[in-house]
Protein backbone atom coordinates (compact mmCIF):
# COMPACT_ATOMS: atom_id res chain seq x y z
CA UNK A 1 -16.71 -3.44 42.66
CA UNK A 2 -14.23 -1.81 40.24
CA UNK A 3 -16.53 -2.42 37.25
CA UNK A 4 -19.20 -0.32 38.95
CA UNK A 5 -16.87 2.61 39.73
CA UNK A 6 -15.26 3.10 36.32
CA UNK A 7 -16.34 3.24 32.72
CA UNK A 8 -14.16 2.63 29.69
CA UNK A 9 -13.83 4.90 26.66
CA UNK A 10 -12.32 3.38 23.53
CA UNK A 11 -11.53 4.29 19.96
CA UNK A 12 -10.14 1.97 17.29
CA UNK A 13 -7.69 2.58 14.45
CA UNK A 14 -8.06 -0.07 11.78
CA UNK A 15 -5.49 -0.42 8.99
CA UNK A 16 -6.83 -2.15 5.89
CA UNK A 17 -4.53 -3.25 3.07
CA UNK A 18 -6.37 -2.60 -0.17
CA UNK A 19 -6.21 -5.55 -2.55
CA UNK A 20 -4.82 -3.82 -5.62
CA UNK A 21 -2.29 -5.56 -7.86
CA UNK A 22 0.34 -2.86 -7.35
CA UNK A 23 1.45 -0.64 -4.47
CA UNK A 24 0.09 2.80 -3.66
CA UNK A 25 2.81 4.93 -5.26
CA UNK A 26 4.69 2.56 -7.57
CA UNK A 27 4.17 -0.45 -9.85
CA UNK A 28 5.63 -3.11 -7.53
CA UNK A 29 3.51 -6.21 -6.95
CA UNK A 30 1.48 -6.56 -3.76
CA UNK A 31 1.49 -10.37 -3.93
CA UNK A 32 2.01 -11.91 -0.49
CA UNK A 33 4.70 -14.48 0.26
CA UNK A 34 7.41 -13.46 -2.22
CA UNK A 35 11.07 -13.89 -1.34
CA UNK A 36 12.30 -11.06 0.89
CA UNK A 37 13.16 -7.77 -0.83
CA UNK A 38 12.19 -8.94 -4.33
CA UNK A 39 9.09 -6.72 -4.71
CA UNK A 40 10.80 -3.35 -4.36
CA UNK A 41 11.91 -0.46 -6.56
CA UNK A 42 13.55 2.98 -6.16
CA UNK A 43 10.17 4.57 -5.35
CA UNK A 44 9.12 2.34 -2.45
CA UNK A 45 12.72 2.23 -1.18
CA UNK A 46 12.89 6.03 -1.25
CA UNK A 47 16.02 6.25 -3.37
CA UNK A 48 17.17 9.73 -4.47
CA UNK A 49 15.32 11.11 -7.50
CA UNK A 50 12.46 8.58 -7.38
CA UNK A 51 8.99 10.16 -7.44
CA UNK A 52 5.71 8.65 -6.22
CA UNK A 53 2.58 8.46 -8.40
CA UNK A 54 -0.81 7.73 -6.81
CA UNK A 55 -2.42 4.44 -7.86
CA UNK A 56 -5.84 5.31 -9.35
CA UNK A 57 -7.46 2.04 -8.21
CA UNK A 58 -6.30 2.65 -4.64
CA UNK A 59 -8.11 5.99 -4.65
CA UNK A 60 -11.30 4.47 -6.10
CA UNK A 61 -11.39 1.68 -3.52
CA UNK A 62 -10.77 4.12 -0.71
CA UNK A 63 -13.64 6.35 -1.85
CA UNK A 64 -15.86 3.27 -1.96
CA UNK A 65 -15.10 2.48 1.70
CA UNK A 66 -15.73 6.08 2.75
CA UNK A 67 -19.13 6.08 1.06
CA UNK A 68 -20.11 2.72 2.59
CA UNK A 69 -19.31 4.17 6.04
CA UNK A 70 -21.53 7.17 5.33
CA UNK A 71 -18.56 9.55 5.34
CA UNK A 72 -18.29 12.94 3.70
CA UNK A 73 -15.81 12.61 0.82
CA UNK A 74 -13.37 15.52 0.66
CA UNK A 75 -13.44 17.87 -2.32
CA UNK A 76 -9.67 18.12 -2.04
CA UNK A 77 -7.15 15.91 -0.26
CA UNK A 78 -3.40 16.00 0.09
CA UNK A 79 -0.63 13.74 1.33
CA UNK A 80 1.78 14.55 4.13
CA UNK A 81 5.08 13.25 5.41
CA UNK A 82 4.89 11.62 8.83
CA UNK A 83 8.46 11.73 10.10
CA UNK A 84 9.87 9.10 12.43
CA UNK A 85 12.85 6.79 12.49
CA UNK A 86 12.42 3.04 12.51
CA UNK A 87 14.55 0.39 10.76
CA UNK A 88 11.68 -0.82 8.54
CA UNK A 89 10.98 2.70 7.20
CA UNK A 90 13.54 3.26 4.40
CA UNK A 91 12.79 6.97 3.82
CA UNK A 92 12.63 7.84 7.56
CA UNK A 93 9.14 9.16 6.84
CA UNK A 94 5.81 7.65 5.86
CA UNK A 95 3.56 9.18 3.22
CA UNK A 96 0.21 9.57 4.97
CA UNK A 97 -2.59 12.13 5.32
CA UNK A 98 -2.93 14.60 8.17
CA UNK A 99 -5.21 17.66 8.00
CA UNK A 100 -6.91 16.93 4.66
CA UNK A 101 -7.89 13.25 4.69
CA UNK A 102 -9.89 11.52 1.98
CA UNK A 103 -13.11 11.20 4.01
CA UNK A 104 -14.48 12.06 7.44
CA UNK A 105 -17.56 12.25 9.69
CA UNK A 106 -19.06 8.85 9.01
CA UNK A 107 -20.82 6.24 11.13
CA UNK A 108 -21.18 2.51 11.57
CA UNK A 109 -24.13 0.81 13.23
CA UNK A 110 -23.41 -2.19 15.48
CA UNK A 111 -25.50 -4.63 17.50
CA UNK A 112 -24.22 -5.73 20.93
CA UNK A 113 -26.26 -7.82 23.38
CA UNK A 114 -29.38 -7.11 21.33
CA UNK A 115 -28.92 -3.34 21.55
CA UNK A 116 -28.24 -1.18 18.51
CA UNK A 117 -25.88 1.77 18.65
CA UNK A 118 -23.83 3.94 16.34
CA UNK A 119 -20.05 4.39 16.39
CA UNK A 120 -18.94 7.59 14.67
CA UNK A 121 -16.13 7.40 12.13
CA UNK A 122 -13.71 10.27 12.62
CA UNK A 123 -11.69 9.91 9.43
CA UNK A 124 -10.68 7.59 6.61
CA UNK A 125 -7.29 8.28 5.08
CA UNK A 126 -4.73 6.73 2.78
CA UNK A 127 -1.10 5.95 3.59
CA UNK A 128 1.74 3.63 2.63
CA UNK A 129 2.78 0.68 4.77
CA UNK A 130 6.22 0.23 6.30
CA UNK A 131 8.45 -2.82 5.88
CA UNK A 132 8.65 -5.84 8.14
CA UNK A 133 11.25 -6.67 10.76
CA UNK A 134 12.20 -10.33 11.08
CA UNK A 135 13.75 -11.06 14.45
CA UNK A 136 16.36 -13.84 14.43
CA UNK A 137 15.79 -16.26 17.30
CA UNK A 138 19.35 -17.52 17.64
CA UNK A 139 21.13 -14.25 16.90
CA UNK A 140 21.14 -10.81 18.46
CA UNK A 141 19.93 -9.22 15.22
CA UNK A 142 16.89 -8.41 13.09
CA UNK A 143 16.49 -8.54 9.33
CA UNK A 144 14.35 -6.17 7.27
CA UNK A 145 12.04 -7.20 4.44
CA UNK A 146 10.96 -4.18 2.40
CA UNK A 147 8.42 -6.07 0.25
CA UNK A 148 5.58 -4.65 2.36
CA UNK A 149 6.90 -1.09 2.06
CA UNK A 150 4.50 0.99 0.01
CA UNK A 151 1.56 -1.39 0.30
CA UNK A 152 -1.70 0.62 0.02
CA UNK A 153 -3.25 1.12 3.45
CA UNK A 154 -6.56 2.68 4.37
CA UNK A 155 -6.76 3.79 8.00
CA UNK A 156 -10.24 3.96 9.49
CA UNK A 157 -10.31 5.88 12.77
CA UNK A 158 -13.34 5.78 15.04
CA UNK A 159 -14.37 8.40 17.59
CA UNK A 160 -14.07 7.29 21.25
CA UNK A 161 -17.66 5.95 21.17
CA UNK A 162 -16.94 2.36 22.19
CA UNK A 163 -17.59 1.54 25.83
CA UNK A 164 -16.80 -2.17 26.17
CA UNK A 165 -14.52 -4.86 24.71
CA UNK A 166 -17.63 -6.60 23.40
CA UNK A 167 -18.64 -3.49 21.46
CA UNK A 168 -15.12 -3.26 20.04
CA UNK A 169 -15.37 -6.88 18.85
CA UNK A 170 -18.77 -6.25 17.23
CA UNK A 171 -17.50 -3.04 15.58
CA UNK A 172 -14.55 -4.88 14.04
CA UNK A 173 -16.73 -7.78 12.91
CA UNK A 174 -19.22 -5.46 11.22
CA UNK A 175 -16.47 -3.37 9.62
CA UNK A 176 -14.76 -6.48 8.23
CA UNK A 177 -18.07 -7.71 6.81
CA UNK A 178 -18.58 -4.39 4.98
CA UNK A 179 -15.03 -4.45 3.59
CA UNK A 180 -15.53 -8.00 2.30
CA UNK A 181 -18.84 -6.99 0.66
CA UNK A 182 -17.08 -4.09 -1.05
CA UNK A 183 -14.34 -6.52 -2.24
CA UNK A 184 -11.63 -3.95 -1.49
CA UNK A 185 -9.49 -6.20 0.74
CA UNK A 186 -9.12 -9.87 1.62
CA UNK A 187 -9.04 -8.80 5.31
CA UNK A 188 -6.60 -11.63 6.06
CA UNK A 189 -5.25 -10.84 9.53
CA UNK A 190 -2.66 -13.63 9.33
CA UNK A 191 -1.07 -11.90 6.33
CA UNK A 192 -1.40 -8.43 7.85
CA UNK A 193 -4.18 -7.24 5.54
CA UNK A 194 -6.25 -6.11 8.52
CA UNK A 195 -4.61 -4.69 11.64
CA UNK A 196 -6.06 -2.87 14.60
CA UNK A 197 -4.72 -0.51 17.28
CA UNK A 198 -6.89 0.54 20.20
CA UNK A 199 -6.90 3.69 22.31
CA UNK A 200 -8.41 3.17 25.75
CA UNK A 201 -8.92 5.16 28.92
CA UNK A 202 -11.12 4.75 31.97
CA UNK A 203 -12.82 7.35 34.16
CA UNK A 204 -15.06 7.35 37.22
CA UNK A 205 -18.67 6.84 36.21
CA UNK A 206 -20.44 10.13 35.72
CA UNK A 207 -17.24 12.05 34.97
CA UNK A 208 -17.31 13.98 31.68
CA UNK A 209 -13.57 14.55 31.32
CA UNK A 210 -11.70 11.73 29.60
CA UNK A 211 -9.00 9.81 31.43
CA UNK A 212 -5.40 9.40 30.25
CA UNK A 213 -5.33 6.97 27.34
CA UNK A 214 -2.98 4.19 26.35
CA UNK A 215 -2.59 2.78 22.85
CA UNK A 216 -2.59 -0.99 22.44
CA UNK A 217 -0.73 -2.67 19.58
CA UNK A 218 0.20 -6.17 18.40
CA UNK A 219 -3.33 -7.59 18.43
CA UNK A 220 -3.62 -10.15 15.64
CA UNK A 221 -7.21 -11.34 16.06
CA UNK A 222 -10.54 -9.76 16.98
CA UNK A 223 -10.61 -12.00 20.03
CA UNK A 224 -7.13 -10.71 20.87
CA UNK A 225 -8.42 -7.13 20.70
CA UNK A 226 -11.25 -8.00 23.09
CA UNK A 227 -8.92 -9.80 25.51
CA UNK A 228 -6.35 -6.98 25.44
CA UNK A 229 -9.02 -4.37 26.17
CA UNK A 230 -10.42 -6.45 29.05
CA UNK A 231 -6.95 -6.73 30.55
CA UNK A 232 -6.18 -3.03 30.12
CA UNK A 233 -9.44 -1.95 31.78
CA UNK A 234 -8.57 -4.14 34.77
CA UNK A 235 -4.97 -2.89 34.87
CA UNK A 236 -5.87 0.79 34.72
CA UNK A 237 -8.52 0.33 37.40
CA UNK A 238 -5.99 -1.28 39.72
CA UNK A 239 -3.50 1.55 39.14
CA UNK A 240 -6.10 4.19 40.02
CA UNK A 241 -7.35 2.24 43.05
CA UNK A 242 -3.81 2.14 44.42
CA UNK A 243 -3.50 5.93 44.09
CA UNK A 244 -1.30 5.83 40.99
CA UNK A 245 -1.62 7.67 37.69
CA UNK A 246 -2.02 6.30 34.16
CA UNK A 247 0.88 7.01 31.80
CA UNK A 248 0.13 8.03 28.24
CA UNK A 249 2.04 5.32 26.42
CA UNK A 250 1.94 2.65 23.76
CA UNK A 251 1.64 -0.86 25.14
CA UNK A 252 2.07 -4.24 23.44
CA UNK A 253 -0.36 -7.10 23.89
CA UNK A 254 1.24 -10.47 24.66
CA UNK A 255 -1.28 -13.13 23.67
CA UNK A 256 0.67 -15.98 25.29
CA UNK A 257 0.97 -14.21 28.67
CA UNK A 258 -2.43 -12.53 28.44
CA UNK A 259 -1.12 -9.12 29.42
CA UNK A 260 0.07 -5.77 28.04
CA UNK A 261 3.53 -4.28 28.59
CA UNK A 262 5.01 -0.80 27.95
CA UNK A 263 6.57 -0.21 24.53
CA UNK A 264 7.20 3.54 24.34
CA UNK A 265 5.81 6.90 25.40
CA UNK A 266 2.73 7.77 23.34
CA UNK A 267 3.51 10.21 20.56
CA UNK A 268 1.42 13.28 19.75
CA UNK A 269 0.89 14.64 16.24
CA UNK A 270 3.59 17.29 16.69
CA UNK A 271 6.14 14.56 17.43
CA UNK A 272 5.83 13.41 13.83
CA UNK A 273 6.55 16.89 12.37
CA UNK A 274 3.90 16.52 9.67
CA UNK A 275 4.35 18.65 6.57
CA UNK A 276 2.85 18.47 3.04
CA UNK A 277 4.41 15.83 0.79
CA UNK A 278 6.25 17.98 -1.80
CA UNK A 279 6.39 15.20 -4.43
CA UNK A 280 2.59 14.80 -4.61
CA UNK A 281 0.28 17.67 -5.52
CA UNK A 282 -3.08 18.08 -3.72
CA UNK A 283 -5.84 16.05 -5.40
CA UNK A 284 -9.20 17.49 -6.43
CA UNK A 285 -11.76 14.70 -6.03
CA UNK A 286 -14.22 14.91 -8.87
CA UNK A 287 -17.86 14.94 -7.76
CA UNK A 288 -18.91 12.88 -10.78
CA UNK A 289 -16.35 10.21 -9.88
CA UNK A 290 -17.73 10.00 -6.34
CA UNK A 291 -21.31 9.69 -7.59
CA UNK A 292 -20.28 7.04 -10.10
CA UNK A 293 -18.65 4.99 -7.33
CA UNK A 294 -21.68 5.53 -5.08
CA UNK A 295 -24.01 4.14 -7.77
CA UNK A 296 -21.77 1.08 -8.11
CA UNK A 297 -21.86 0.19 -4.40
CA UNK A 298 -23.15 -3.33 -3.74
CA UNK A 299 -26.00 -4.13 -1.39
CA UNK A 300 -24.41 -3.74 2.04
CA UNK A 301 -24.80 -6.23 4.93
CA UNK A 302 -27.41 -4.27 6.91
CA UNK A 303 -29.75 -3.92 3.93
CA UNK A 304 -29.20 -7.54 2.94
CA UNK A 305 -30.08 -8.68 6.46
CA UNK A 306 -33.35 -6.75 6.31
CA UNK A 307 -34.14 -8.23 2.89
CA UNK A 308 -33.42 -11.81 4.00
CA UNK A 309 -35.83 -11.40 6.91
CA UNK A 310 -38.47 -9.70 4.78
CA UNK A 311 -38.28 -11.64 1.50
CA UNK A 312 -37.23 -15.09 2.69
CA UNK A 313 -39.07 -14.95 6.05
CA UNK A 314 -35.92 -16.06 7.88
CA UNK A 315 -35.52 -15.68 11.64
CA UNK A 316 -33.16 -12.73 12.43
CA UNK A 317 -30.55 -15.02 14.00
CA UNK A 318 -30.34 -17.27 10.91
CA UNK A 319 -30.35 -14.30 8.53
CA UNK A 320 -27.52 -12.69 10.50
CA UNK A 321 -25.39 -15.85 10.30
CA UNK A 322 -25.86 -16.00 6.53
CA UNK A 323 -25.17 -12.31 5.91
CA UNK A 324 -21.95 -12.19 7.98
CA UNK A 325 -19.99 -13.72 5.08
CA UNK A 326 -20.75 -12.43 1.60
CA UNK A 327 -19.82 -15.76 -0.01
CA UNK A 328 -22.21 -17.61 2.30
CA UNK A 329 -25.03 -15.12 1.64
CA UNK A 330 -24.48 -15.45 -2.13
CA UNK A 331 -24.46 -19.25 -1.81
CA UNK A 332 -27.74 -19.19 0.10
CA UNK A 333 -29.45 -17.03 -2.50
CA UNK A 334 -28.24 -19.28 -5.32
CA UNK A 335 -29.47 -22.43 -3.57
CA UNK A 336 -32.77 -20.84 -2.49
CA UNK A 337 -33.32 -19.73 -6.09
CA UNK A 338 -33.13 -23.37 -7.20
CA UNK A 339 -35.03 -24.91 -4.27
CA UNK A 340 -37.94 -22.48 -4.26
CA UNK A 341 -40.19 -24.47 -1.94
CA UNK A 342 -38.89 -23.16 1.41
CA UNK A 343 -35.88 -20.88 1.89
CA UNK A 344 -35.83 -21.68 5.62
CA UNK A 345 -34.92 -25.30 4.87
CA UNK A 346 -31.97 -24.14 2.74
CA UNK A 347 -30.91 -21.71 5.47
CA UNK A 348 -31.07 -24.45 8.12
CA UNK A 349 -28.79 -26.74 6.11
CA UNK A 350 -26.26 -23.96 5.51
CA UNK A 351 -26.16 -22.60 9.08
CA UNK A 352 -26.20 -26.12 10.51
CA UNK A 353 -24.50 -29.03 8.77
CA UNK A 354 -22.66 -27.08 6.08
CA UNK A 355 -21.29 -24.60 8.61
CA UNK A 356 -20.19 -27.58 10.68
CA UNK A 357 -18.23 -28.94 7.71
CA UNK A 358 -16.66 -25.51 7.11
CA UNK A 359 -15.54 -25.25 10.74
CA UNK A 360 -14.26 -28.82 10.87
CA UNK A 361 -12.23 -28.48 7.70
CA UNK A 362 -11.29 -24.78 8.04
CA UNK A 363 -12.53 -24.07 4.52
CA UNK A 364 -14.48 -21.30 2.85
CA UNK A 365 -17.81 -22.20 1.29
CA UNK A 366 -16.24 -22.00 -2.19
CA UNK A 367 -13.44 -24.34 -1.16
CA UNK A 368 -15.94 -26.82 0.31
CA UNK A 369 -16.91 -27.90 -3.20
CA UNK A 370 -20.67 -28.41 -2.74
CA UNK A 371 -22.40 -26.43 -5.47
CA UNK A 372 -25.66 -24.61 -4.64
CA UNK A 373 -27.55 -26.77 -7.16
CA UNK A 374 -26.21 -29.94 -5.50
CA UNK A 375 -27.46 -28.79 -2.08
CA UNK A 376 -30.84 -27.97 -3.61
CA UNK A 377 -30.91 -31.37 -5.33
CA UNK A 378 -30.17 -33.16 -2.06
CA UNK A 379 -33.04 -31.38 -0.30
CA UNK A 380 -35.36 -32.29 -3.20
CA UNK A 381 -34.37 -35.94 -2.74
CA UNK A 382 -35.52 -35.75 0.89
CA UNK A 383 -38.85 -34.29 -0.28
CA UNK A 384 -39.20 -37.04 -2.89
CA UNK A 385 -38.64 -39.68 -0.24
CA UNK A 386 -35.54 -40.96 -2.01
CA UNK A 387 -33.39 -40.44 1.11
CA UNK A 388 -34.02 -39.69 4.77
CA UNK A 389 -32.75 -36.65 6.65
CA UNK A 390 -30.30 -38.90 8.48
CA UNK A 391 -28.91 -40.28 5.22
CA UNK A 392 -28.64 -36.71 3.91
CA UNK A 393 -26.34 -35.70 6.78
CA UNK A 394 -23.89 -38.45 5.85
CA UNK A 395 -24.37 -37.71 2.18
CA UNK A 396 -23.23 -34.14 2.74
CA UNK A 397 -19.83 -35.34 3.96
CA UNK A 398 -19.58 -37.66 0.94
CA UNK A 399 -20.30 -34.71 -1.35
CA UNK A 400 -17.43 -32.78 0.22
CA UNK A 401 -15.03 -35.69 -0.19
CA UNK A 402 -15.99 -36.74 -3.73
CA UNK A 403 -17.34 -33.48 -5.24
CA UNK A 404 -19.98 -35.71 -6.87
CA UNK A 405 -23.66 -34.99 -7.46
CA UNK A 406 -25.78 -36.35 -4.55
CA UNK A 407 -27.93 -38.56 -6.80
CA UNK A 408 -24.86 -40.31 -8.19
CA UNK A 409 -23.52 -40.92 -4.68
CA UNK A 410 -26.86 -42.33 -3.50
CA UNK A 411 -27.03 -44.69 -6.48
CA UNK A 412 -23.41 -45.85 -6.15
CA UNK A 413 -23.70 -46.50 -2.40
CA UNK A 414 -27.19 -47.99 -2.42
CA UNK A 415 -28.57 -45.33 -0.08
CA UNK A 416 -32.03 -45.07 -1.59
CA UNK A 417 -34.80 -45.02 0.99
CA UNK A 418 -36.67 -48.26 1.67
CA UNK A 419 -40.33 -47.63 0.83
CA UNK A 420 -41.38 -51.19 -0.04
CA UNK A 421 -44.13 -52.15 2.41
CA UNK A 422 -43.38 -55.86 2.21
CA UNK A 423 -39.70 -55.36 2.97
CA UNK A 424 -40.47 -53.04 5.87
CA UNK A 425 -43.02 -55.49 7.29
CA UNK A 426 -40.32 -58.15 7.57
CA UNK A 427 -38.00 -55.79 9.42
CA UNK A 428 -40.83 -54.65 11.75
CA UNK A 429 -41.62 -58.25 12.60
CA UNK A 430 -38.00 -58.89 13.67
CA UNK A 431 -37.85 -55.65 15.72
CA UNK A 432 -41.11 -56.43 17.56
CA UNK A 433 -39.97 -59.99 18.21
CA UNK A 434 -36.64 -58.77 19.64
CA UNK A 435 -38.26 -56.18 21.95
CA UNK A 436 -41.11 -57.81 23.91
CA UNK A 437 -41.07 -55.36 26.84
CA UNK A 438 -41.80 -52.18 24.81
CA UNK A 439 -44.59 -54.11 23.10
CA UNK A 440 -46.18 -54.96 26.48
CA UNK A 441 -45.70 -51.33 27.61
CA UNK A 442 -47.47 -50.11 24.48
CA UNK A 443 -50.40 -52.44 25.09
CA UNK A 444 -50.57 -51.05 28.64
CA UNK A 445 -51.02 -47.54 27.29
CA UNK A 446 -47.44 -46.28 27.11
CA UNK A 447 -47.63 -45.10 23.51
CA UNK A 448 -44.35 -43.19 23.73
CA UNK A 449 -42.43 -46.49 23.43
CA UNK A 450 -43.35 -46.36 19.75
CA UNK A 451 -40.52 -43.83 19.31
CA UNK A 452 -38.04 -46.37 20.66
CA UNK A 453 -39.26 -49.05 18.26
CA UNK A 454 -39.09 -46.65 15.30
CA UNK A 455 -35.49 -45.96 16.29
CA UNK A 456 -34.73 -49.68 16.30
CA UNK A 457 -36.15 -50.04 12.79
CA UNK A 458 -34.09 -47.09 11.57
CA UNK A 459 -31.02 -48.65 13.16
CA UNK A 460 -31.71 -51.99 11.51
CA UNK A 461 -32.07 -50.31 8.10
CA UNK A 462 -29.07 -47.98 8.67
CA UNK A 463 -31.38 -44.98 8.40
CA UNK A 464 -32.76 -45.97 4.99
CA UNK A 465 -36.35 -46.75 6.03
CA UNK A 466 -39.02 -44.14 5.35
CA UNK A 467 -39.75 -42.79 8.88
CA UNK A 468 -43.41 -41.96 8.21
CA UNK A 469 -44.11 -45.39 6.71
CA UNK A 470 -42.34 -47.05 9.65
CA UNK A 471 -44.43 -45.05 12.13
CA UNK A 472 -47.71 -45.86 10.40
CA UNK A 473 -46.92 -49.56 9.90
CA UNK A 474 -45.69 -49.99 13.48
CA UNK A 475 -48.79 -48.39 14.92
CA UNK A 476 -51.00 -50.55 12.68
CA UNK A 477 -49.13 -53.73 13.67
CA UNK A 478 -49.06 -52.94 17.39
CA UNK A 479 -52.76 -52.13 17.48
CA UNK A 480 -53.50 -55.60 16.07
CA UNK A 481 -51.44 -57.41 18.71
């Protein structure tokens, strides 16, 4: 089989738009969705005489990312001009970094199929974004929106340490989680805040020399990256099996067709004619600044995962689900701090029913509108016997819709649990009377039919009966028959 003959070698280039209020070299707004060409100025348009000035916050956020990825921060960095012609590049060059990037030699740990491994980070560097081409469907023309020109980008380049599409997916997921924890980017792929290119080659298993690589672009989701890599591995294998050779080229991923297609011959560094940006002096990165930023780093996902398992005694799978989103992890800790009895119960509600509501409604946990204290209060009501677990599941949806406190909803809807023995006795009598066969089966030793009868009582009370009381009363009644 082809999969047994070849092995894939992959490296990823991730472009992250840093969420500063202004662009990297000018004061223009970075707000998304503005009318075309309204967030521009002489600097980001490259007009004669306009000079760039580095945004201090961009530099600080970039250093933060480098430190979180265990990179060595440079003592000195400089910017370079990357020269190429494209309609959305107004200066005909992009200000980027070449031989003296901000940070290098880092690493990122990932977990794939239960196995841990490390992907080395080659470099982390700053650059400005290009504009955006808008292709007209009914006309043979394209329009250019320069609002995105000059947006602050951080490019994170991995070494070719990734050996499968699944590892690539896990690398991207872990990287995004770290970026969200650092609060340096919204990582919104739909708005272009997080973009990924992939370099991939295959070689016969056991061969040390790398194969000819292709670069994949136009992948708008992590799943798209995985699918594109799977397709490209298959395509390259077929080319080699038929005696052909792989061309070093850039290929575009077509999500609708599920295939890649040639875009252009792959460029090398010399094709871009890099040279130092004359309008920006080299920057000395102060050691005290780096240490100050290092001390201000938040608890990162890996450490938080370990703490959740150790301090809250959560199963690794549940802890991992909570930690993947910083907002969800914060929410859990807030709720667990209020409901101190058992953190596992809180975790189960969040990873189960609440996550279900988030998926169904396509909302973030903040947008859902259930406050941590309301979730804790609802769980306390179950403990008190005020409501059943079944009632609580429906109550959760009501809390989303109304944004009301659970106790107020229970009172207004009459959802309080039935714990009155006399009232339950009447309902039990009717259930037993309506189900003579299970009663006979029980008397003949089939005690498991009790579960069926409990279910009938719960159905009759619309889930409001206290399950333990029902069980005890039913058993007592049946034993007397």
